[in-house]
Amino acid sequence: MKHKYLKDVVTLKLETEKCTGCGRCVEVCPHNVFVINNNKAEMIDRDSCIECGACAKNCPFKAVTVKPGVGCASAVIKGWLTGSEPSCDCSGDRGSCC
């Protein structure tokens, strides 16, 4: 079963104009977020991203960006692991996501 975290909060971005369709993101993503379609990467399940950063680190064309270890997905995971309330530090003036 594939885990979903929080909808529409992941920091993952794909700039398709920079993508050459090399497929490295598909190869390294542990949650199958990407596929190659018409010689370009495409995100098919963005909300399954765990913000590990493998895709961004392995994209030779810098078409993929993600902030690993930040955001709500990371906060939820840390909360589960520590038994504490998730805190992604995105409340207040910047909006609320958790």
PDB file of N, CA and C in Angstrom:
ATOM      1  N   MET A   1       0.844  -1.186   0.000  1.00  0.00           N
ATOM      2  CA  MET A   1       0.000   0.000   0.000  1.00  0.00           C
ATOM      3  C   MET A   1       0.886   1.246   0.000  1.00  0.00           C
ATOM      4  N   LYS A   2       0.570   2.181  -0.838  1.00  0.00           N
ATOM      5  CA  LYS A   2       1.320   3.427  -0.940  1.00  0.00           C
ATOM      6  C   LYS A   2       0.748   4.434   0.056  1.00  0.00           C
ATOM      7  N   HIS A   3       1.647   5.086   0.788  1.00  0.00           N
ATOM      8  CA  HIS A   3       1.213   6.074   1.774  1.00  0.00           C
ATOM      9  C   HIS A   3       1.014   7.429   1.128  1.00  0.00           C
ATOM     10  N   LYS A   4       0.004   8.118   1.564  1.00  0.00           N
ATOM     11  CA  LYS A   4      -0.209   9.515   1.197  1.00  0.00           C
ATOM     12  C   LYS A   4       0.023  10.324   2.463  1.00  0.00           C
ATOM     13  N   TYR A   5       0.551  11.483   2.330  1.00  0.00           N
ATOM     14  CA  TYR A   5       0.830  12.314   3.484  1.00  0.00           C
ATOM     15  C   TYR A   5      -0.235  13.402   3.557  1.00  0.00           C
ATOM     16  N   LEU A   6       0.091  14.613   3.269  1.00  0.00           N
ATOM     17  CA  LEU A   6      -0.885  15.686   3.257  1.00  0.00           C
ATOM     18  C   LEU A   6      -1.022  16.199   1.832  1.00  0.00           C
ATOM     19  N   LYS A   7      -2.240  16.465   1.420  1.00  0.00           N
ATOM     20  CA  LYS A   7      -2.510  16.871   0.044  1.00  0.00           C
ATOM     21  C   LYS A   7      -1.974  18.277  -0.233  1.00  0.00           C
ATOM     22  N   ASP A   8      -1.279  18.391  -1.342  1.00  0.00           N
ATOM     23  CA  ASP A   8      -0.814  19.672  -1.880  1.00  0.00           C
ATOM     24  C   ASP A   8       0.108  20.469  -0.954  1.00  0.00           C
ATOM     25  N   VAL A   9       0.973  19.809  -0.194  1.00  0.00           N
ATOM     26  CA  VAL A   9       1.904  20.551   0.654  1.00  0.00           C
ATOM     27  C   VAL A   9       3.368  20.270   0.341  1.00  0.00           C
ATOM     28  N   VAL A  10       3.653  19.284  -0.469  1.00  0.00           N
ATOM     29  CA  VAL A  10       5.033  18.917  -0.767  1.00  0.00           C
ATOM     30  C   VAL A  10       5.733  20.037  -1.543  1.00  0.00           C
ATOM     31  N   THR A  11       7.033  20.182  -1.321  1.00  0.00           N
ATOM     32  CA  THR A  11       7.807  21.245  -1.963  1.00  0.00           C
ATOM     33  C   THR A  11       8.308  20.858  -3.352  1.00  0.00           C
ATOM     34  N   LEU A  12       7.970  19.679  -3.831  1.00  0.00           N
ATOM     35  CA  LEU A  12       8.437  19.156  -5.112  1.00  0.00           C
ATOM     36  C   LEU A  12       7.926  19.987  -6.286  1.00  0.00           C
ATOM     37  N   LYS A  13       8.868  20.342  -7.190  1.00  0.00           N
ATOM     38  CA  LYS A  13       8.510  21.079  -8.407  1.00  0.00           C
ATOM     39  C   LYS A  13       9.253  20.466  -9.587  1.00  0.00           C
ATOM     40  N   LEU A  14       8.608  20.483 -10.732  1.00  0.00           N
ATOM     41  CA  LEU A  14       9.197  19.988 -11.969  1.00  0.00           C
ATOM     42  C   LEU A  14       9.071  21.068 -13.037  1.00  0.00           C
ATOM     43  N   GLU A  15      10.215  21.468 -13.605  1.00  0.00           N
ATOM     44  CA  GLU A  15      10.233  22.442 -14.693  1.00  0.00           C
ATOM     45  C   GLU A  15      10.392  21.666 -16.006  1.00  0.00           C
ATOM     46  N   THR A  16       9.270  21.390 -16.646  1.00  0.00           N
ATOM     47  CA  THR A  16       9.283  20.521 -17.835  1.00  0.00           C
ATOM     48  C   THR A  16      10.111  21.099 -18.979  1.00  0.00           C
ATOM     49  N   GLU A  17      10.260  22.413 -19.051  1.00  0.00           N
ATOM     50  CA  GLU A  17      11.058  22.999 -20.132  1.00  0.00           C
ATOM     51  C   GLU A  17      12.541  22.650 -19.991  1.00  0.00           C
ATOM     52  N   LYS A  18      12.999  22.327 -18.784  1.00  0.00           N
ATOM     53  CA  LYS A  18      14.391  21.916 -18.564  1.00  0.00           C
ATOM     54  C   LYS A  18      14.584  20.406 -18.724  1.00  0.00           C
ATOM     55  N   CYS A  19      13.499  19.653 -18.693  1.00  0.00           N
ATOM     56  CA  CYS A  19      13.561  18.193 -18.707  1.00  0.00           C
ATOM     57  C   CYS A  19      13.899  17.668 -20.102  1.00  0.00           C
ATOM     58  N   THR A  20      14.814  16.687 -20.141  1.00  0.00           N
ATOM     59  CA  THR A  20      15.187  16.057 -21.411  1.00  0.00           C
ATOM     60  C   THR A  20      14.650  14.633 -21.520  1.00  0.00           C
ATOM     61  N   GLY A  21      13.952  14.171 -20.473  1.00  0.00           N
ATOM     62  CA  GLY A  21      13.400  12.826 -20.496  1.00  0.00           C
ATOM     63  C   GLY A  21      14.412  11.731 -20.218  1.00  0.00           C
ATOM     64  N   CYS A  22      15.492  12.057 -19.510  1.00  0.00           N
ATOM     65  CA  CYS A  22      16.548  11.062 -19.251  1.00  0.00           C
ATOM     66  C   CYS A  22      16.075   9.925 -18.344  1.00  0.00           C
ATOM     67  N   GLY A  23      15.078  10.181 -17.512  1.00  0.00           N
ATOM     68  CA  GLY A  23      14.502   9.135 -16.676  1.00  0.00           C
ATOM     69  C   GLY A  23      15.169   8.907 -15.332  1.00  0.00           C
ATOM     70  N   ARG A  24      16.154   9.718 -14.976  1.00  0.00           N
ATOM     71  CA  ARG A  24      16.824   9.536 -13.676  1.00  0.00           C
ATOM     72  C   ARG A  24      15.840   9.694 -12.524  1.00  0.00           C
ATOM     73  N   CYS A  25      14.921  10.625 -12.605  1.00  0.00           N
ATOM     74  CA  CYS A  25      13.936  10.826 -11.528  1.00  0.00           C
ATOM     75  C   CYS A  25      13.075   9.580 -11.339  1.00  0.00           C
ATOM     76  N   VAL A  26      12.714   8.949 -12.439  1.00  0.00           N
ATOM     77  CA  VAL A  26      11.916   7.718 -12.389  1.00  0.00           C
ATOM     78  C   VAL A  26      12.714   6.612 -11.706  1.00  0.00           C
ATOM     79  N   GLU A  27      13.992   6.510 -12.056  1.00  0.00           N
ATOM     80  CA  GLU A  27      14.855   5.467 -11.503  1.00  0.00           C
ATOM     81  C   GLU A  27      15.066   5.600 -10.000  1.00  0.00           C
ATOM     82  N   VAL A  28      15.215   6.814  -9.494  1.00  0.00           N
ATOM     83  CA  VAL A  28      15.612   7.001  -8.089  1.00  0.00           C
ATOM     84  C   VAL A  28      14.457   7.272  -7.132  1.00  0.00           C
ATOM     85  N   CYS A  29      13.290   7.608  -7.621  1.00  0.00           N
ATOM     86  CA  CYS A  29      12.165   7.941  -6.735  1.00  0.00           C
ATOM     87  C   CYS A  29      11.626   6.681  -6.051  1.00  0.00           C
ATOM     88  N   PRO A  30      11.658   6.646  -4.709  1.00  0.00           N
ATOM     89  CA  PRO A  30      11.178   5.453  -4.003  1.00  0.00           C
ATOM     90  C   PRO A  30       9.662   5.312  -3.978  1.00  0.00           C
ATOM     91  N   HIS A  31       8.930   6.349  -4.363  1.00  0.00           N
ATOM     92  CA  HIS A  31       7.475   6.301  -4.303  1.00  0.00           C
ATOM     93  C   HIS A  31       6.799   6.449  -5.660  1.00  0.00           C
ATOM     94  N   ASN A  32       7.560   6.269  -6.726  1.00  0.00           N
ATOM     95  CA  ASN A  32       6.997   6.292  -8.087  1.00  0.00           C
ATOM     96  C   ASN A  32       6.174   7.535  -8.387  1.00  0.00           C
ATOM     97  N   VAL A  33       6.729   8.674  -8.041  1.00  0.00           N
ATOM     98  CA  VAL A  33       6.047   9.944  -8.292  1.00  0.00           C
ATOM     99  C   VAL A  33       6.091  10.310  -9.771  1.00  0.00           C
ATOM    100  N   PHE A  34       7.136   9.866 -10.481  1.00  0.00           N
ATOM    101  CA  PHE A  34       7.367  10.276 -11.867  1.00  0.00           C
ATOM    102  C   PHE A  34       7.175   9.149 -12.865  1.00  0.00           C
ATOM    103  N   VAL A  35       6.821   9.525 -14.080  1.00  0.00           N
ATOM    104  CA  VAL A  35       6.869   8.655 -15.258  1.00  0.00           C
ATOM    105  C   VAL A  35       7.434   9.501 -16.402  1.00  0.00           C
ATOM    106  N   ILE A  36       7.891   8.823 -17.440  1.00  0.00           N
ATOM    107  CA  ILE A  36       8.293   9.534 -18.657  1.00  0.00           C
ATOM    108  C   ILE A  36       7.148   9.397 -19.644  1.00  0.00           C
ATOM    109  N   ASN A  37       6.689  10.522 -20.135  1.00  0.00           N
ATOM    110  CA  ASN A  37       5.576  10.567 -21.071  1.00  0.00           C
ATOM    111  C   ASN A  37       5.935  11.559 -22.172  1.00  0.00           C
ATOM    112  N   ASN A  38       5.930  11.113 -23.412  1.00  0.00           N
ATOM    113  CA  ASN A  38       6.288  11.968 -24.549  1.00  0.00           C
ATOM    114  C   ASN A  38       7.670  12.608 -24.362  1.00  0.00           C
ATOM    115  N   ASN A  39       8.638  11.795 -23.928  1.00  0.00           N
ATOM    116  CA  ASN A  39      10.027  12.224 -23.753  1.00  0.00           C
ATOM    117  C   ASN A  39      10.230  13.320 -22.716  1.00  0.00           C
ATOM    118  N   LYS A  40       9.340  13.397 -21.740  1.00  0.00           N
ATOM    119  CA  LYS A  40       9.459  14.350 -20.635  1.00  0.00           C
ATOM    120  C   LYS A  40       9.009  13.665 -19.356  1.00  0.00           C
ATOM    121  N   ALA A  41       9.602  14.065 -18.235  1.00  0.00           N
ATOM    122  CA  ALA A  41       9.131  13.575 -16.946  1.00  0.00           C
ATOM    123  C   ALA A  41       7.778  14.211 -16.644  1.00  0.00           C
ATOM    124  N   GLU A  42       6.969  13.450 -15.952  1.00  0.00           N
ATOM    125  CA  GLU A  42       5.651  13.923 -15.549  1.00  0.00           C
ATOM    126  C   GLU A  42       5.399  13.409 -14.133  1.00  0.00           C
ATOM    127  N   MET A  43       4.863  14.270 -13.283  1.00  0.00           N
ATOM    128  CA  MET A  43       4.516  13.842 -11.931  1.00  0.00           C
ATOM    129  C   MET A  43       3.122  13.231 -11.964  1.00  0.00           C
ATOM    130  N   ILE A  44       3.029  11.955 -11.586  1.00  0.00           N
ATOM    131  CA  ILE A  44       1.726  11.292 -11.604  1.00  0.00           C
ATOM    132  C   ILE A  44       1.148  11.123 -10.210  1.00  0.00           C
ATOM    133  N   ASP A  45       1.977  11.307  -9.182  1.00  0.00           N
ATOM    134  CA  ASP A  45       1.492  11.119  -7.812  1.00  0.00           C
ATOM    135  C   ASP A  45       2.287  12.004  -6.864  1.00  0.00           C
ATOM    136  N   ARG A  46       2.211  13.295  -7.067  1.00  0.00           N
ATOM    137  CA  ARG A  46       2.985  14.283  -6.310  1.00  0.00           C
ATOM    138  C   ARG A  46       2.792  14.147  -4.807  1.00  0.00           C
ATOM    139  N   ASP A  47       1.578  13.839  -4.357  1.00  0.00           N
ATOM    140  CA  ASP A  47       1.296  13.760  -2.928  1.00  0.00           C
ATOM    141  C   ASP A  47       1.935  12.554  -2.244  1.00  0.00           C
ATOM    142  N   SER A  48       2.516  11.646  -3.016  1.00  0.00           N
ATOM    143  CA  SER A  48       3.241  10.521  -2.427  1.00  0.00           C
ATOM    144  C   SER A  48       4.712  10.850  -2.175  1.00  0.00           C
ATOM    145  N   CYS A  49       5.150  12.020  -2.603  1.00  0.00           N
ATOM    146  CA  CYS A  49       6.537  12.443  -2.414  1.00  0.00           C
ATOM    147  C   CYS A  49       6.848  12.554  -0.917  1.00  0.00           C
ATOM    148  N   ILE A  50       7.990  11.979  -0.516  1.00  0.00           N
ATOM    149  CA  ILE A  50       8.421  12.062   0.881  1.00  0.00           C
ATOM    150  C   ILE A  50       9.543  13.077   1.059  1.00  0.00           C
ATOM    151  N   GLU A  51       9.793  13.877   0.052  1.00  0.00           N
ATOM    152  CA  GLU A  51      10.793  14.937   0.081  1.00  0.00           C
ATOM    153  C   GLU A  51      12.181  14.416   0.447  1.00  0.00           C
ATOM    154  N   CYS A  52      12.548  13.248  -0.082  1.00  0.00           N
ATOM    155  CA  CYS A  52      13.871  12.678   0.206  1.00  0.00           C
ATOM    156  C   CYS A  52      14.972  13.395  -0.564  1.00  0.00           C
ATOM    157  N   GLY A  53      14.640  13.995  -1.701  1.00  0.00           N
ATOM    158  CA  GLY A  53      15.600  14.757  -2.483  1.00  0.00           C
ATOM    159  C   GLY A  53      16.347  13.967  -3.537  1.00  0.00           C
ATOM    160  N   ALA A  54      16.103  12.664  -3.639  1.00  0.00           N
ATOM    161  CA  ALA A  54      16.836  11.837  -4.609  1.00  0.00           C
ATOM    162  C   ALA A  54      16.634  12.321  -6.042  1.00  0.00           C
ATOM    163  N   CYS A  55      15.430  12.705  -6.391  1.00  0.00           N
ATOM    164  CA  CYS A  55      15.147  13.148  -7.758  1.00  0.00           C
ATOM    165  C   CYS A  55      15.934  14.407  -8.102  1.00  0.00           C
ATOM    166  N   ALA A  56      15.910  15.380  -7.215  1.00  0.00           N
ATOM    167  CA  ALA A  56      16.607  16.641  -7.466  1.00  0.00           C
ATOM    168  C   ALA A  56      18.119  16.444  -7.513  1.00  0.00           C
ATOM    169  N   LYS A  57      18.646  15.635  -6.618  1.00  0.00           N
ATOM    170  CA  LYS A  57      20.089  15.396  -6.581  1.00  0.00           C
ATOM    171  C   LYS A  57      20.573  14.654  -7.822  1.00  0.00           C
ATOM    172  N   ASN A  58      19.719  13.874  -8.441  1.00  0.00           N
ATOM    173  CA  ASN A  58      20.115  13.062  -9.587  1.00  0.00           C
ATOM    174  C   ASN A  58      19.697  13.635 -10.934  1.00  0.00           C
ATOM    175  N   CYS A  59      18.998  14.743 -10.948  1.00  0.00           N
ATOM    176  CA  CYS A  59      18.592  15.348 -12.224  1.00  0.00           C
ATOM    177  C   CYS A  59      19.751  16.182 -12.775  1.00  0.00           C
ATOM    178  N   PRO A  60      20.367  15.733 -13.873  1.00  0.00           N
ATOM    179  CA  PRO A  60      21.513  16.462 -14.419  1.00  0.00           C
ATOM    180  C   PRO A  60      21.142  17.792 -15.060  1.00  0.00           C
ATOM    181  N   PHE A  61      19.863  18.044 -15.233  1.00  0.00           N
ATOM    182  CA  PHE A  61      19.422  19.262 -15.906  1.00  0.00           C
ATOM    183  C   PHE A  61      18.720  20.239 -14.968  1.00  0.00           C
ATOM    184  N   LYS A  62      18.715  19.900 -13.674  1.00  0.00           N
ATOM    185  CA  LYS A  62      18.109  20.758 -12.635  1.00  0.00           C
ATOM    186  C   LYS A  62      16.641  21.073 -12.931  1.00  0.00           C
ATOM    187  N   ALA A  63      15.944  20.089 -13.501  1.00  0.00           N
ATOM    188  CA  ALA A  63      14.528  20.258 -13.818  1.00  0.00           C
ATOM    189  C   ALA A  63      13.642  19.974 -12.603  1.00  0.00           C
ATOM    190  N   VAL A  64      14.204  19.283 -11.610  1.00  0.00           N
ATOM    191  CA  VAL A  64      13.443  18.911 -10.420  1.00  0.00           C
ATOM    192  C   VAL A  64      14.035  19.618  -9.210  1.00  0.00           C
ATOM    193  N   THR A  65      13.166  20.213  -8.399  1.00  0.00           N
ATOM    194  CA  THR A  65      13.605  20.807  -7.142  1.00  0.00           C
ATOM    195  C   THR A  65      12.688  20.321  -6.023  1.00  0.00           C
ATOM    196  N   VAL A  66      13.276  20.166  -4.856  1.00  0.00           N
ATOM    197  CA  VAL A  66      12.535  19.785  -3.657  1.00  0.00           C
ATOM    198  C   VAL A  66      13.381  20.184  -2.468  1.00  0.00           C
ATOM    199  N   LYS A  67      12.739  20.551  -1.387  1.00  0.00           N
ATOM    200  CA  LYS A  67      13.449  20.901  -0.163  1.00  0.00           C
ATOM    201  C   LYS A  67      13.353  19.713   0.779  1.00  0.00           C
ATOM    202  N   PRO A  68      14.355  18.832   0.775  1.00  0.00           N
ATOM    203  CA  PRO A  68      14.269  17.647   1.624  1.00  0.00           C
ATOM    204  C   PRO A  68      14.278  17.995   3.108  1.00  0.00           C
ATOM    205  N   GLY A  69      13.446  17.271   3.861  1.00  0.00           N
ATOM    206  CA  GLY A  69      13.421  17.420   5.309  1.00  0.00           C
ATOM    207  C   GLY A  69      12.678  18.633   5.815  1.00  0.00           C
ATOM    208  N   VAL A  70      11.909  19.293   4.965  1.00  0.00           N
ATOM    209  CA  VAL A  70      11.142  20.463   5.395  1.00  0.00           C
ATOM    210  C   VAL A  70       9.674  20.235   5.067  1.00  0.00           C
ATOM    211  N   GLY A  71       8.857  21.118   5.510  1.00  0.00           N
ATOM    212  CA  GLY A  71       7.454  21.070   5.132  1.00  0.00           C
ATOM    213  C   GLY A  71       6.623  20.121   5.964  1.00  0.00           C
ATOM    214  N   CYS A  72       5.384  20.018   5.582  1.00  0.00           N
ATOM    215  CA  CYS A  72       4.413  19.256   6.359  1.00  0.00           C
ATOM    216  C   CYS A  72       4.654  17.759   6.328  1.00  0.00           C
ATOM    217  N   ALA A  73       5.080  17.218   5.193  1.00  0.00           N
ATOM    218  CA  ALA A  73       5.319  15.777   5.131  1.00  0.00           C
ATOM    219  C   ALA A  73       6.381  15.382   6.152  1.00  0.00           C
ATOM    220  N   SER A  74       7.436  16.150   6.220  1.00  0.00           N
ATOM    221  CA  SER A  74       8.495  15.881   7.190  1.00  0.00           C
ATOM    222  C   SER A  74       7.975  16.043   8.618  1.00  0.00           C
ATOM    223  N   ALA A  75       7.162  17.067   8.852  1.00  0.00           N
ATOM    224  CA  ALA A  75       6.614  17.297  10.188  1.00  0.00           C
ATOM    225  C   ALA A  75       5.720  16.149  10.637  1.00  0.00           C
ATOM    226  N   VAL A  76       4.910  15.634   9.733  1.00  0.00           N
ATOM    227  CA  VAL A  76       4.031  14.513  10.073  1.00  0.00           C
ATOM    228  C   VAL A  76       4.861  13.284  10.413  1.00  0.00           C
ATOM    229  N   ILE A  77       5.879  13.001   9.610  1.00  0.00           N
ATOM    230  CA  ILE A  77       6.731  11.841   9.864  1.00  0.00           C
ATOM    231  C   ILE A  77       7.448  11.988  11.204  1.00  0.00           C
ATOM    232  N   LYS A  78       8.018  13.168  11.477  1.00  0.00           N
ATOM    233  CA  LYS A  78       8.700  13.396  12.752  1.00  0.00           C
ATOM    234  C   LYS A  78       7.728  13.246  13.919  1.00  0.00           C
ATOM    235  N   GLY A  79       6.493  13.701  13.743  1.00  0.00           N
ATOM    236  CA  GLY A  79       5.475  13.547  14.777  1.00  0.00           C
ATOM    237  C   GLY A  79       5.174  12.089  15.058  1.00  0.00           C
ATOM    238  N   TRP A  80       5.052  11.296  13.986  1.00  0.00           N
ATOM    239  CA  TRP A  80       4.812   9.858  14.163  1.00  0.00           C
ATOM    240  C   TRP A  80       5.964   9.202  14.911  1.00  0.00           C
ATOM    241  N   LEU A  81       7.188   9.553  14.525  1.00  0.00           N
ATOM    242  CA  LEU A  81       8.370   8.924  15.111  1.00  0.00           C
ATOM    243  C   LEU A  81       8.595   9.315  16.570  1.00  0.00           C
ATOM    244  N   THR A  82       8.272  10.553  16.904  1.00  0.00           N
ATOM    245  CA  THR A  82       8.535  11.040  18.265  1.00  0.00           C
ATOM    246  C   THR A  82       7.303  11.013  19.156  1.00  0.00           C
ATOM    247  N   GLY A  83       6.145  10.749  18.571  1.00  0.00           N
ATOM    248  CA  GLY A  83       4.909  10.753  19.350  1.00  0.00           C
ATOM    249  C   GLY A  83       4.441  12.149  19.715  1.00  0.00           C
ATOM    250  N   SER A  84       4.923  13.141  18.978  1.00  0.00           N
ATOM    251  CA  SER A  84       4.553  14.533  19.251  1.00  0.00           C
ATOM    252  C   SER A  84       3.606  15.060  18.180  1.00  0.00           C
ATOM    253  N   GLU A  85       3.090  16.233  18.413  1.00  0.00           N
ATOM    254  CA  GLU A  85       2.230  16.887  17.426  1.00  0.00           C
ATOM    255  C   GLU A  85       3.088  17.386  16.269  1.00  0.00           C
ATOM    256  N   PRO A  86       2.616  17.227  15.037  1.00  0.00           N
ATOM    257  CA  PRO A  86       3.378  17.744  13.899  1.00  0.00           C
ATOM    258  C   PRO A  86       3.506  19.261  13.962  1.00  0.00           C
ATOM    259  N   SER A  87       4.683  19.758  13.667  1.00  0.00           N
ATOM    260  CA  SER A  87       4.910  21.194  13.597  1.00  0.00           C
ATOM    261  C   SER A  87       5.774  21.483  12.392  1.00  0.00           C
ATOM    262  N   CYS A  88       5.154  22.046  11.352  1.00  0.00           N
ATOM    263  CA  CYS A  88       5.913  22.338  10.136  1.00  0.00           C
ATOM    264  C   CYS A  88       6.293  23.806  10.060  1.00  0.00           C
ATOM    265  N   ASP A  89       5.981  24.547  11.115  1.00  0.00           N
ATOM    266  CA  ASP A  89       6.362  25.960  11.192  1.00  0.00           C
ATOM    267  C   ASP A  89       5.832  26.763  10.014  1.00  0.00           C
ATOM    268  N   CYS A  90       4.622  26.445   9.574  1.00  0.00           N
ATOM    269  CA  CYS A  90       4.061  27.204   8.454  1.00  0.00           C
ATOM    270  C   CYS A  90       2.728  27.842   8.836  1.00  0.00           C
ATOM    271  N   SER A  91       2.538  28.102  10.112  1.00  0.00           N
ATOM    272  CA  SER A  91       1.316  28.782  10.532  1.00  0.00           C
ATOM    273  C   SER A  91       1.597  30.268  10.660  1.00  0.00           C
ATOM    274  N   GLY A  92       0.610  31.012  11.028  1.00  0.00           N
ATOM    275  CA  GLY A  92       0.785  32.447  11.206  1.00  0.00           C
ATOM    276  C   GLY A  92       0.653  33.187   9.885  1.00  0.00           C
ATOM    277  N   ASP A  93       1.564  34.135   9.659  1.00  0.00           N
ATOM    278  CA  ASP A  93       1.499  34.976   8.468  1.00  0.00           C
ATOM    279  C   ASP A  93       1.649  34.205   7.168  1.00  0.00           C
ATOM    280  N   ARG A  94       2.321  33.075   7.205  1.00  0.00           N
ATOM    281  CA  ARG A  94       2.571  32.317   5.977  1.00  0.00           C
ATOM    282  C   ARG A  94       1.472  31.342   5.662  1.00  0.00           C
ATOM    283  N   GLY A  95       0.414  31.304   6.417  1.00  0.00           N
ATOM    284  CA  GLY A  95      -0.672  30.368   6.160  1.00  0.00           C
ATOM    285  C   GLY A  95      -0.573  29.179   7.089  1.00  0.00           C
ATOM    286  N   SER A  96      -1.497  28.256   6.956  1.00  0.00           N
ATOM    287  CA  SER A  96      -1.508  27.084   7.807  1.00  0.00           C
ATOM    288  C   SER A  96      -1.674  25.840   6.962  1.00  0.00           C
ATOM    289  N   CYS A  97      -0.856  24.833   7.238  1.00  0.00           N
ATOM    290  CA  CYS A  97      -0.955  23.630   6.423  1.00  0.00           C
ATOM    291  C   CYS A  97      -1.122  22.380   7.267  1.00  0.00           C
ATOM    292  N   CYS A  98      -0.848  22.415   8.535  1.00  0.00           N
ATOM    293  CA  CYS A  98      -0.971  21.210   9.369  1.00  0.00           C
ATOM    294  C   CYS A  98      -2.174  21.303  10.282  1.00  0.00           C
TER     295      CYS A  98
END
